[in-house]
Amino acid sequence: MFERFTERARRTIFFARYEASRLGTPWIDTEQLLLGLLREDHVFAAELPAGAVNALQKRIDELYPQGREKVSTSVDLPLTEGAKRTLAIAAEESTALGHLAMDTGHIVLALLRVEKCPAGDLLREHGVEYAAFREQVAAAPPPVPPPDPSAAPAVEKRPVEPAAPSLRPSVQALEELLVTTATHIDRSSAGAEQHLKRKPWTRQQALGHLIDWAEAHHQWLARALTEPRLDARMYPRDEWVAAQHYGEYSWPALIGLWELLNRLLIHVMAQVPEDKANLPCRVGVQDPIPLSELISRYVEHCQDIAGQIVAHL
């Protein structure tokens, strides 16, 4: 079923899984799908009446007893029959409209069609009606089909074992970040120009910033492997992002470049011997830190910015 889902629709399921965990439910139902939609489809959420998003979230929270124990995010949660029916109807709506991919708009239509569906009832209470919304979905540009995995460039993705045991946590964390980001990031251009809340960039510009960081750290690692100490002038500056016009470049290409640069970084990190892990590194006027700490800080920074990009924060 999921092979026709756009990246945005897949992330809706991901966020629905998160909401189920938060509410303490051992399954994903239509209400969690709606909460996932509100988190992921910012255009749809913005078109609702003022205050509707908060009201919907509050109403759904009230459907579940307070104080329920959260379900671990590592546990697979099944879809209820209602949720399965919703996704099946969403696929029908996509086909009926002549769309090659199934997107969040189709899920909204399905919620409005499912019988005895609290999520559909809540949407109607806030002015979302099936006929009018279907016309809106039909008039919008058709959703972009998900990328064909067979068409992706061949990249080494086998687990890498670092030569330095002290670098293993950072290398593993970076590998996990790449997998998570590749799974949940929308590779279509939809939402690429959305601004982050905690940084002065669009999602596209933020990805350019991460590319600057990857390139700088690649050079620093090469120097660390060949010099007795590392003295770097400064970290990549925030204003470089606008100067390089990342916002005008191809979003899918930026994603692919960032992934490839970090795959290369993982390869280079794995070559660092343990005696080099303690090599003193000074960036700008900061106090020197071990190379292992420089790498750890790089991974943490990537986790922060990539997390904001994927989560639309």
C-alpha atoms as a PDB file:
ATOM      1  CA  MET A   1       0.000   0.000   0.000  1.00  0.00           C
ATOM      2  CA  PHE A   2       2.700   2.484   1.011  1.00  0.00           C
ATOM      3  CA  GLU A   3       4.662   2.385  -2.254  1.00  0.00           C
ATOM      4  CA  ARG A   4       2.352   5.040  -3.751  1.00  0.00           C
ATOM      5  CA  PHE A   5       2.570   7.358  -0.741  1.00  0.00           C
ATOM      6  CA  THR A   6       4.368  10.672  -1.169  1.00  0.00           C
ATOM      7  CA  GLU A   7       7.103  11.485   1.338  1.00  0.00           C
ATOM      8  CA  ARG A   8       4.638  13.847   3.003  1.00  0.00           C
ATOM      9  CA  ALA A   9       2.001  11.119   3.370  1.00  0.00           C
ATOM     10  CA  ARG A  10       4.587   8.747   4.809  1.00  0.00           C
ATOM     11  CA  ARG A  11       5.671  11.329   7.344  1.00  0.00           C
ATOM     12  CA  THR A  12       2.014  11.767   8.286  1.00  0.00           C
ATOM     13  CA  ILE A  13       1.975   8.090   9.297  1.00  0.00           C
ATOM     14  CA  PHE A  14       5.236   8.638  11.166  1.00  0.00           C
ATOM     15  CA  PHE A  15       3.735  11.539  13.131  1.00  0.00           C
ATOM     16  CA  ALA A  16       0.519   9.564  13.704  1.00  0.00           C
ATOM     17  CA  ARG A  17       2.718   6.891  15.286  1.00  0.00           C
ATOM     18  CA  TYR A  18       4.255   9.560  17.519  1.00  0.00           C
ATOM     19  CA  GLU A  19       0.815  10.834  18.541  1.00  0.00           C
ATOM     20  CA  ALA A  20      -0.310   7.316  19.404  1.00  0.00           C
ATOM     21  CA  SER A  21       2.735   6.988  21.659  1.00  0.00           C
ATOM     22  CA  ARG A  22       1.997  10.342  23.282  1.00  0.00           C
ATOM     23  CA  LEU A  23      -1.647   9.438  23.921  1.00  0.00           C
ATOM     24  CA  GLY A  24      -0.719   6.004  25.260  1.00  0.00           C
ATOM     25  CA  THR A  25      -2.706   4.020  22.670  1.00  0.00           C
ATOM     26  CA  PRO A  26      -1.390   0.622  21.497  1.00  0.00           C
ATOM     27  CA  TRP A  27      -2.667   1.294  17.968  1.00  0.00           C
ATOM     28  CA  ILE A  28      -2.950   4.051  15.350  1.00  0.00           C
ATOM     29  CA  ASP A  29      -6.533   5.154  14.685  1.00  0.00           C
ATOM     30  CA  THR A  30      -8.134   7.864  12.544  1.00  0.00           C
ATOM     31  CA  GLU A  31      -7.707  10.484  15.272  1.00  0.00           C
ATOM     32  CA  GLN A  32      -3.956   9.897  15.311  1.00  0.00           C
ATOM     33  CA  LEU A  33      -3.943  10.145  11.506  1.00  0.00           C
ATOM     34  CA  LEU A  34      -5.608  13.538  11.793  1.00  0.00           C
ATOM     35  CA  LEU A  35      -3.056  14.709  14.349  1.00  0.00           C
ATOM     36  CA  GLY A  36      -0.302  13.490  12.031  1.00  0.00           C
ATOM     37  CA  LEU A  37      -1.863  15.488   9.188  1.00  0.00           C
ATOM     38  CA  LEU A  38      -1.952  18.648  11.284  1.00  0.00           C
ATOM     39  CA  ARG A  39       1.729  18.211  12.113  1.00  0.00           C
ATOM     40  CA  GLU A  40       2.850  17.460   8.567  1.00  0.00           C
ATOM     41  CA  ASP A  41       0.582  19.333   6.133  1.00  0.00           C
ATOM     42  CA  HIS A  42       1.178  22.934   7.113  1.00  0.00           C
ATOM     43  CA  VAL A  43      -0.711  24.277   4.103  1.00  0.00           C
ATOM     44  CA  PHE A  44      -3.863  22.370   5.089  1.00  0.00           C
ATOM     45  CA  ALA A  45      -3.477  23.409   8.734  1.00  0.00           C
ATOM     46  CA  ALA A  46      -3.058  27.068   7.739  1.00  0.00           C
ATOM     47  CA  GLU A  47      -6.273  26.976   5.699  1.00  0.00           C
ATOM     48  CA  LEU A  48      -8.363  25.931   8.711  1.00  0.00           C
ATOM     49  CA  PRO A  49     -10.177  28.656  10.686  1.00  0.00           C
ATOM     50  CA  ALA A  50      -8.110  30.566  13.241  1.00  0.00           C
ATOM     51  CA  GLY A  51      -7.510  28.467  16.346  1.00  0.00           C
ATOM     52  CA  ALA A  52      -8.833  25.307  14.701  1.00  0.00           C
ATOM     53  CA  VAL A  53      -5.565  23.365  14.952  1.00  0.00           C
ATOM     54  CA  ASN A  54      -5.302  23.857  18.719  1.00  0.00           C
ATOM     55  CA  ALA A  55      -9.014  23.139  19.133  1.00  0.00           C
ATOM     56  CA  LEU A  56      -8.754  19.896  17.173  1.00  0.00           C
ATOM     57  CA  GLN A  57      -5.728  18.758  19.149  1.00  0.00           C
ATOM     58  CA  LYS A  58      -7.500  19.541  22.426  1.00  0.00           C
ATOM     59  CA  ARG A  59     -10.674  17.703  21.391  1.00  0.00           C
ATOM     60  CA  ILE A  60      -8.740  14.600  20.407  1.00  0.00           C
ATOM     61  CA  ASP A  61      -6.711  14.679  23.635  1.00  0.00           C
ATOM     62  CA  GLU A  62      -9.995  14.766  25.551  1.00  0.00           C
ATOM     63  CA  LEU A  63     -11.070  11.503  23.903  1.00  0.00           C
ATOM     64  CA  TYR A  64      -8.353   9.650  25.812  1.00  0.00           C
ATOM     65  CA  PRO A  65      -8.009   9.374  29.606  1.00  0.00           C
ATOM     66  CA  GLN A  66      -5.290  11.482  31.145  1.00  0.00           C
ATOM     67  CA  GLY A  67      -2.298   9.812  32.757  1.00  0.00           C
ATOM     68  CA  ARG A  68      -2.033   6.899  30.341  1.00  0.00           C
ATOM     69  CA  GLU A  69       1.477   5.527  30.112  1.00  0.00           C
ATOM     70  CA  LYS A  70       3.255   6.465  26.903  1.00  0.00           C
ATOM     71  CA  VAL A  71       4.024   3.642  24.481  1.00  0.00           C
ATOM     72  CA  SER A  72       7.700   3.289  23.620  1.00  0.00           C
ATOM     73  CA  THR A  73       8.516   4.628  20.160  1.00  0.00           C
ATOM     74  CA  SER A  74      10.531   1.455  19.525  1.00  0.00           C
ATOM     75  CA  VAL A  75       7.351  -0.648  19.578  1.00  0.00           C
ATOM     76  CA  ASP A  76       5.534  -1.251  16.286  1.00  0.00           C
ATOM     77  CA  LEU A  77       1.909  -0.176  16.542  1.00  0.00           C
ATOM     78  CA  PRO A  78      -0.787  -1.631  14.277  1.00  0.00           C
ATOM     79  CA  LEU A  79      -3.338   0.367  12.321  1.00  0.00           C
ATOM     80  CA  THR A  80      -6.926  -0.069  13.452  1.00  0.00           C
ATOM     81  CA  GLU A  81      -9.458  -1.264  10.912  1.00  0.00           C
ATOM     82  CA  GLY A  82     -10.708   2.314  10.681  1.00  0.00           C
ATOM     83  CA  ALA A  83      -7.220   3.617   9.916  1.00  0.00           C
ATOM     84  CA  LYS A  84      -6.656   0.860   7.325  1.00  0.00           C
ATOM     85  CA  ARG A  85      -9.981   1.699   5.724  1.00  0.00           C
ATOM     86  CA  THR A  86      -9.037   5.378   5.655  1.00  0.00           C
ATOM     87  CA  LEU A  87      -5.774   4.724   3.834  1.00  0.00           C
ATOM     88  CA  ALA A  88      -7.504   2.376   1.383  1.00  0.00           C
ATOM     89  CA  ILE A  89     -10.099   5.049   0.581  1.00  0.00           C
ATOM     90  CA  ALA A  90      -7.310   7.615   0.232  1.00  0.00           C
ATOM     91  CA  ALA A  91      -5.732   5.396  -2.422  1.00  0.00           C
ATOM     92  CA  GLU A  92      -9.112   5.182  -4.167  1.00  0.00           C
ATOM     93  CA  GLU A  93      -9.413   8.969  -4.140  1.00  0.00           C
ATOM     94  CA  SER A  94      -5.942   9.312  -5.625  1.00  0.00           C
ATOM     95  CA  THR A  95      -6.766   6.887  -8.441  1.00  0.00           C
ATOM     96  CA  ALA A  96     -10.141   8.501  -9.127  1.00  0.00           C
ATOM     97  CA  LEU A  97      -8.477  11.899  -9.523  1.00  0.00           C
ATOM     98  CA  GLY A  98      -5.896  10.477 -11.920  1.00  0.00           C
ATOM     99  CA  HIS A  99      -2.996  11.028  -9.513  1.00  0.00           C
ATOM    100  CA  LEU A 100       0.004   8.715  -9.628  1.00  0.00           C
ATOM    101  CA  ALA A 101       0.815   9.273  -5.943  1.00  0.00           C
ATOM    102  CA  MET A 102      -1.260   9.393  -2.777  1.00  0.00           C
ATOM    103  CA  ASP A 103      -0.803  12.559  -0.702  1.00  0.00           C
ATOM    104  CA  THR A 104      -2.151  14.122   2.484  1.00  0.00           C
ATOM    105  CA  GLY A 105      -5.109  15.691   0.680  1.00  0.00           C
ATOM    106  CA  HIS A 106      -6.363  12.233  -0.227  1.00  0.00           C
ATOM    107  CA  ILE A 107      -6.144  11.213   3.433  1.00  0.00           C
ATOM    108  CA  VAL A 108      -8.299  14.212   4.404  1.00  0.00           C
ATOM    109  CA  LEU A 109     -10.893  13.165   1.800  1.00  0.00           C
ATOM    110  CA  ALA A 110     -10.835   9.625   3.167  1.00  0.00           C
ATOM    111  CA  LEU A 111     -11.388  10.799   6.751  1.00  0.00           C
ATOM    112  CA  LEU A 112     -14.452  12.680   5.537  1.00  0.00           C
ATOM    113  CA  ARG A 113     -15.794   9.529   3.862  1.00  0.00           C
ATOM    114  CA  VAL A 114     -15.227   6.910   6.561  1.00  0.00           C
ATOM    115  CA  GLU A 115     -18.412   6.143   8.471  1.00  0.00           C
ATOM    116  CA  LYS A 116     -18.553   6.734  12.252  1.00  0.00           C
ATOM    117  CA  CYS A 117     -15.198   8.511  12.136  1.00  0.00           C
ATOM    118  CA  PRO A 118     -14.572  11.003  14.994  1.00  0.00           C
ATOM    119  CA  ALA A 119     -11.742  12.601  13.016  1.00  0.00           C
ATOM    120  CA  GLY A 120     -14.056  13.227  10.063  1.00  0.00           C
ATOM    121  CA  ASP A 121     -16.717  14.649  12.369  1.00  0.00           C
ATOM    122  CA  LEU A 122     -14.179  17.047  13.879  1.00  0.00           C
ATOM    123  CA  LEU A 123     -13.075  18.216  10.437  1.00  0.00           C
ATOM    124  CA  ARG A 124     -16.671  18.930   9.434  1.00  0.00           C
ATOM    125  CA  GLU A 125     -17.207  20.856  12.657  1.00  0.00           C
ATOM    126  CA  HIS A 126     -14.402  23.154  11.540  1.00  0.00           C
ATOM    127  CA  GLY A 127     -15.776  23.736   8.067  1.00  0.00           C
ATOM    128  CA  VAL A 128     -14.041  21.048   6.009  1.00  0.00           C
ATOM    129  CA  GLU A 129     -16.620  19.510   3.666  1.00  0.00           C
ATOM    130  CA  TYR A 130     -15.956  16.618   1.309  1.00  0.00           C
ATOM    131  CA  ALA A 131     -17.250  18.093  -1.978  1.00  0.00           C
ATOM    132  CA  ALA A 132     -15.519  21.455  -1.642  1.00  0.00           C
ATOM    133  CA  PHE A 133     -12.250  19.952  -0.436  1.00  0.00           C
ATOM    134  CA  ARG A 134     -12.247  17.396  -3.275  1.00  0.00           C
ATOM    135  CA  GLU A 135     -12.531  20.230  -5.791  1.00  0.00           C
ATOM    136  CA  GLN A 136      -9.565  21.874  -4.085  1.00  0.00           C
ATOM    137  CA  VAL A 137      -7.448  18.703  -4.280  1.00  0.00           C
ATOM    138  CA  ALA A 138      -8.428  18.175  -7.933  1.00  0.00           C
ATOM    139  CA  ALA A 139      -7.452  21.758  -8.847  1.00  0.00           C
ATOM    140  CA  ALA A 140      -4.047  21.600  -7.136  1.00  0.00           C
ATOM    141  CA  PRO A 141      -0.917  20.364  -8.951  1.00  0.00           C
ATOM    142  CA  PRO A 142      -0.810  16.554  -8.786  1.00  0.00           C
ATOM    143  CA  PRO A 143       1.439  15.177  -6.047  1.00  0.00           C
ATOM    144  CA  VAL A 144       4.911  14.065  -7.031  1.00  0.00           C
ATOM    145  CA  PRO A 145       5.331  10.267  -6.975  1.00  0.00           C
ATOM    146  CA  PRO A 146       7.864   8.959  -4.453  1.00  0.00           C
ATOM    147  CA  PRO A 147      11.370   8.445  -5.809  1.00  0.00           C
ATOM    148  CA  ASP A 148      12.213   5.098  -7.336  1.00  0.00           C
ATOM    149  CA  PRO A 149      14.794   3.476  -5.009  1.00  0.00           C
ATOM    150  CA  SER A 150      16.304   1.643  -7.988  1.00  0.00           C
ATOM    151  CA  ALA A 151      17.124   5.015  -9.580  1.00  0.00           C
ATOM    152  CA  ALA A 152      19.080   6.322  -6.599  1.00  0.00           C
ATOM    153  CA  PRO A 153      22.882   6.495  -6.922  1.00  0.00           C
ATOM    154  CA  ALA A 154      24.744   3.561  -5.502  1.00  0.00           C
ATOM    155  CA  VAL A 155      26.101   4.612  -2.107  1.00  0.00           C
ATOM    156  CA  GLU A 156      27.869   2.424   0.399  1.00  0.00           C
ATOM    157  CA  LYS A 157      25.428   1.991   3.278  1.00  0.00           C
ATOM    158  CA  ARG A 158      26.832  -0.994   5.122  1.00  0.00           C
ATOM    159  CA  PRO A 159      27.592  -0.395   8.805  1.00  0.00           C
ATOM    160  CA  VAL A 160      31.076   1.069   9.237  1.00  0.00           C
ATOM    161  CA  GLU A 161      33.349  -0.020  12.067  1.00  0.00           C
ATOM    162  CA  PRO A 162      35.668   2.858  13.074  1.00  0.00           C
ATOM    163  CA  ALA A 163      39.324   2.177  13.704  1.00  0.00           C
ATOM    164  CA  ALA A 164      39.031   4.261  16.903  1.00  0.00           C
ATOM    165  CA  PRO A 165      36.574   2.743  19.407  1.00  0.00           C
ATOM    166  CA  SER A 166      36.028   6.180  20.969  1.00  0.00           C
ATOM    167  CA  LEU A 167      34.523   7.412  17.680  1.00  0.00           C
ATOM    168  CA  ARG A 168      32.028   4.553  17.387  1.00  0.00           C
ATOM    169  CA  PRO A 169      29.094   6.419  19.089  1.00  0.00           C
ATOM    170  CA  SER A 170      29.485   9.446  16.810  1.00  0.00           C
ATOM    171  CA  VAL A 171      29.799   7.371  13.646  1.00  0.00           C
ATOM    172  CA  GLN A 172      26.782   5.268  14.561  1.00  0.00           C
ATOM    173  CA  ALA A 173      24.757   8.381  15.428  1.00  0.00           C
ATOM    174  CA  LEU A 174      25.597   9.973  12.068  1.00  0.00           C
ATOM    175  CA  GLU A 175      24.677   6.774  10.228  1.00  0.00           C
ATOM    176  CA  GLU A 176      21.343   6.638  12.068  1.00  0.00           C
ATOM    177  CA  LEU A 177      20.680  10.302  11.280  1.00  0.00           C
ATOM    178  CA  LEU A 178      21.202   9.704   7.563  1.00  0.00           C
ATOM    179  CA  VAL A 179      18.816   6.745   7.586  1.00  0.00           C
ATOM    180  CA  THR A 180      16.159   8.617   9.566  1.00  0.00           C
ATOM    181  CA  THR A 181      16.416  11.733   7.410  1.00  0.00           C
ATOM    182  CA  ALA A 182      16.312   9.740   4.175  1.00  0.00           C
ATOM    183  CA  THR A 183      13.173   7.974   5.411  1.00  0.00           C
ATOM    184  CA  HIS A 184      11.228  11.039   6.513  1.00  0.00           C
ATOM    185  CA  ILE A 185      12.388  14.007   4.430  1.00  0.00           C
ATOM    186  CA  ASP A 186      10.149  15.169   1.578  1.00  0.00           C
ATOM    187  CA  ARG A 187      12.232  15.032  -1.604  1.00  0.00           C
ATOM    188  CA  SER A 188       9.703  16.993  -3.602  1.00  0.00           C
ATOM    189  CA  SER A 189      10.027  20.767  -3.528  1.00  0.00           C
ATOM    190  CA  ALA A 190       6.879  21.096  -1.394  1.00  0.00           C
ATOM    191  CA  GLY A 191       7.743  22.919   1.812  1.00  0.00           C
ATOM    192  CA  ALA A 192      11.380  23.583   0.867  1.00  0.00           C
ATOM    193  CA  GLU A 193      10.797  27.342   1.205  1.00  0.00           C
ATOM    194  CA  GLN A 194       9.132  27.053   4.612  1.00  0.00           C
ATOM    195  CA  HIS A 195      11.077  28.946   7.298  1.00  0.00           C
ATOM    196  CA  LEU A 196      12.457  27.269  10.380  1.00  0.00           C
ATOM    197  CA  LYS A 197      11.227  28.679  13.674  1.00  0.00           C
ATOM    198  CA  ARG A 198      14.575  28.634  15.456  1.00  0.00           C
ATOM    199  CA  LYS A 199      16.887  29.641  12.606  1.00  0.00           C
ATOM    200  CA  PRO A 200      16.805  32.505  10.066  1.00  0.00           C
ATOM    201  CA  TRP A 201      16.578  30.132   7.106  1.00  0.00           C
ATOM    202  CA  THR A 202      14.170  28.248   4.940  1.00  0.00           C
ATOM    203  CA  ARG A 203      14.446  24.464   5.070  1.00  0.00           C
ATOM    204  CA  GLN A 204      16.344  24.664   1.770  1.00  0.00           C
ATOM    205  CA  GLN A 205      18.806  27.210   3.142  1.00  0.00           C
ATOM    206  CA  ALA A 206      19.253  25.170   6.340  1.00  0.00           C
ATOM    207  CA  LEU A 207      20.276  22.194   4.239  1.00  0.00           C
ATOM    208  CA  GLY A 208      22.810  24.417   2.475  1.00  0.00           C
ATOM    209  CA  HIS A 209      24.192  25.357   5.887  1.00  0.00           C
ATOM    210  CA  LEU A 210      24.630  21.669   6.724  1.00  0.00           C
ATOM    211  CA  ILE A 211      26.489  21.210   3.442  1.00  0.00           C
ATOM    212  CA  ASP A 212      28.872  24.020   4.453  1.00  0.00           C
ATOM    213  CA  TRP A 213      29.476  22.236   7.745  1.00  0.00           C
ATOM    214  CA  ALA A 214      30.081  18.880   6.075  1.00  0.00           C
ATOM    215  CA  GLU A 215      32.608  20.383   3.649  1.00  0.00           C
ATOM    216  CA  ALA A 216      34.463  22.202   6.430  1.00  0.00           C
ATOM    217  CA  HIS A 217      34.677  19.121   8.630  1.00  0.00           C
ATOM    218  CA  HIS A 218      35.858  16.983   5.727  1.00  0.00           C
ATOM    219  CA  GLN A 219      38.829  19.326   5.271  1.00  0.00           C
ATOM    220  CA  TRP A 220      39.473  19.440   9.009  1.00  0.00           C
ATOM    221  CA  LEU A 221      39.514  15.654   9.250  1.00  0.00           C
ATOM    222  CA  ALA A 222      42.021  15.452   6.409  1.00  0.00           C
ATOM    223  CA  ARG A 223      44.256  17.947   8.199  1.00  0.00           C
ATOM    224  CA  ALA A 224      43.842  16.153  11.530  1.00  0.00           C
ATOM    225  CA  LEU A 225      45.034  12.929   9.929  1.00  0.00           C
ATOM    226  CA  THR A 226      48.173  14.591   8.540  1.00  0.00           C
ATOM    227  CA  GLU A 227      49.109  17.330  11.043  1.00  0.00           C
ATOM    228  CA  PRO A 228      50.201  17.276  14.723  1.00  0.00           C
ATOM    229  CA  ARG A 229      47.315  19.592  15.692  1.00  0.00           C
ATOM    230  CA  LEU A 230      44.386  21.303  13.994  1.00  0.00           C
ATOM    231  CA  ASP A 231      43.991  25.083  13.983  1.00  0.00           C
ATOM    232  CA  ALA A 232      40.965  26.209  11.974  1.00  0.00           C
ATOM    233  CA  ARG A 233      40.055  29.835  11.476  1.00  0.00           C
ATOM    234  CA  MET A 234      36.317  29.571  12.142  1.00  0.00           C
ATOM    235  CA  TYR A 235      33.153  27.524  11.727  1.00  0.00           C
ATOM    236  CA  PRO A 236      31.110  28.157   8.566  1.00  0.00           C
ATOM    237  CA  ARG A 237      29.321  31.470   9.033  1.00  0.00           C
ATOM    238  CA  ASP A 238      25.535  31.768   8.965  1.00  0.00           C
ATOM    239  CA  GLU A 239      25.654  34.573   6.398  1.00  0.00           C
ATOM    240  CA  TRP A 240      27.341  32.264   3.885  1.00  0.00           C
ATOM    241  CA  VAL A 241      23.954  30.629   3.359  1.00  0.00           C
ATOM    242  CA  ALA A 242      22.354  33.686   1.770  1.00  0.00           C
ATOM    243  CA  ALA A 243      25.556  34.619  -0.071  1.00  0.00           C
ATOM    244  CA  GLN A 244      25.593  31.249  -1.857  1.00  0.00           C
ATOM    245  CA  HIS A 245      21.885  31.452  -2.810  1.00  0.00           C
ATOM    246  CA  TYR A 246      21.107  27.939  -1.606  1.00  0.00           C
ATOM    247  CA  GLY A 247      17.424  28.858  -1.661  1.00  0.00           C
ATOM    248  CA  GLU A 248      17.581  29.037  -5.460  1.00  0.00           C
ATOM    249  CA  TYR A 249      19.189  25.635  -5.954  1.00  0.00           C
ATOM    250  CA  SER A 250      17.528  22.265  -6.538  1.00  0.00           C
ATOM    251  CA  TRP A 251      16.056  20.876  -3.307  1.00  0.00           C
ATOM    252  CA  PRO A 252      16.456  17.177  -4.296  1.00  0.00           C
ATOM    253  CA  ALA A 253      20.038  17.884  -5.380  1.00  0.00           C
ATOM    254  CA  LEU A 254      20.839  19.521  -2.041  1.00  0.00           C
ATOM    255  CA  ILE A 255      19.445  16.510  -0.197  1.00  0.00           C
ATOM    256  CA  GLY A 256      21.512  14.107  -2.294  1.00  0.00           C
ATOM    257  CA  LEU A 257      24.684  16.174  -1.893  1.00  0.00           C
ATOM    258  CA  TRP A 258      24.297  16.384   1.899  1.00  0.00           C
ATOM    259  CA  GLU A 259      23.754  12.632   2.135  1.00  0.00           C
ATOM    260  CA  LEU A 260      26.776  11.852  -0.062  1.00  0.00           C
ATOM    261  CA  LEU A 261      29.048  14.267   1.804  1.00  0.00           C
ATOM    262  CA  ASN A 262      28.151  12.657   5.114  1.00  0.00           C
ATOM    263  CA  ARG A 263      28.615   9.159   3.722  1.00  0.00           C
ATOM    264  CA  LEU A 264      32.100  10.275   2.738  1.00  0.00           C
ATOM    265  CA  LEU A 265      32.627  11.804   6.180  1.00  0.00           C
ATOM    266  CA  ILE A 266      31.646   8.511   7.822  1.00  0.00           C
ATOM    267  CA  HIS A 267      34.207   6.744   5.644  1.00  0.00           C
ATOM    268  CA  VAL A 268      36.937   9.208   6.656  1.00  0.00           C
ATOM    269  CA  MET A 269      35.952   9.122  10.335  1.00  0.00           C
ATOM    270  CA  ALA A 270      36.340   5.360  10.252  1.00  0.00           C
ATOM    271  CA  GLN A 271      39.991   5.775   9.222  1.00  0.00           C
ATOM    272  CA  VAL A 272      40.945   7.886  12.251  1.00  0.00           C
ATOM    273  CA  PRO A 273      43.201   5.816  14.569  1.00  0.00           C
ATOM    274  CA  GLU A 274      42.642   5.932  18.308  1.00  0.00           C
ATOM    275  CA  ASP A 275      45.808   7.941  18.941  1.00  0.00           C
ATOM    276  CA  LYS A 276      44.468  10.685  16.633  1.00  0.00           C
ATOM    277  CA  ALA A 277      41.129  10.833  18.446  1.00  0.00           C
ATOM    278  CA  ASN A 278      42.797  12.956  21.152  1.00  0.00           C
ATOM    279  CA  LEU A 279      44.518  15.324  18.710  1.00  0.00           C
ATOM    280  CA  PRO A 280      43.980  18.930  19.916  1.00  0.00           C
ATOM    281  CA  CYS A 281      41.677  20.962  17.673  1.00  0.00           C
ATOM    282  CA  ARG A 282      41.123  24.694  17.975  1.00  0.00           C
ATOM    283  CA  VAL A 283      38.430  26.488  15.963  1.00  0.00           C
ATOM    284  CA  GLY A 284      38.722  30.267  16.072  1.00  0.00           C
ATOM    285  CA  VAL A 285      39.419  31.574  19.561  1.00  0.00           C
ATOM    286  CA  GLN A 286      37.773  28.646  21.350  1.00  0.00           C
ATOM    287  CA  ASP A 287      39.768  26.441  23.690  1.00  0.00           C
ATOM    288  CA  PRO A 288      41.273  23.349  22.062  1.00  0.00           C
ATOM    289  CA  ILE A 289      39.203  20.189  22.222  1.00  0.00           C
ATOM    290  CA  PRO A 290      40.031  16.581  21.237  1.00  0.00           C
ATOM    291  CA  LEU A 291      39.235  15.521  17.685  1.00  0.00           C
ATOM    292  CA  SER A 292      36.682  13.077  19.089  1.00  0.00           C
ATOM    293  CA  GLU A 293      34.825  16.006  20.682  1.00  0.00           C
ATOM    294  CA  LEU A 294      34.970  18.020  17.450  1.00  0.00           C
ATOM    295  CA  ILE A 295      33.336  15.092  15.633  1.00  0.00           C
ATOM    296  CA  SER A 296      30.737  14.618  18.381  1.00  0.00           C
ATOM    297  CA  ARG A 297      29.763  18.304  18.222  1.00  0.00           C
ATOM    298  CA  TYR A 298      29.445  18.074  14.438  1.00  0.00           C
ATOM    299  CA  VAL A 299      27.025  15.156  14.719  1.00  0.00           C
ATOM    300  CA  GLU A 300      24.970  16.931  17.402  1.00  0.00           C
ATOM    301  CA  HIS A 301      24.713  20.034  15.217  1.00  0.00           C
ATOM    302  CA  CYS A 302      23.560  17.926  12.265  1.00  0.00           C
ATOM    303  CA  GLN A 303      20.973  16.194  14.439  1.00  0.00           C
ATOM    304  CA  ASP A 304      19.606  19.566  15.581  1.00  0.00           C
ATOM    305  CA  ILE A 305      19.335  21.222  12.153  1.00  0.00           C
ATOM    306  CA  ALA A 306      18.261  18.096  10.235  1.00  0.00           C
ATOM    307  CA  GLY A 307      15.643  17.412  12.900  1.00  0.00           C
ATOM    308  CA  GLN A 308      14.208  20.901  12.407  1.00  0.00           C
ATOM    309  CA  ILE A 309      14.161  20.405   8.624  1.00  0.00           C
ATOM    310  CA  VAL A 310      12.373  17.062   8.780  1.00  0.00           C
ATOM    311  CA  ALA A 311       9.942  18.099  11.504  1.00  0.00           C
ATOM    312  CA  HIS A 312       9.184  21.474   9.871  1.00  0.00           C
ATOM    313  CA  LEU A 313      10.224  23.349  13.032  1.00  0.00           C
END
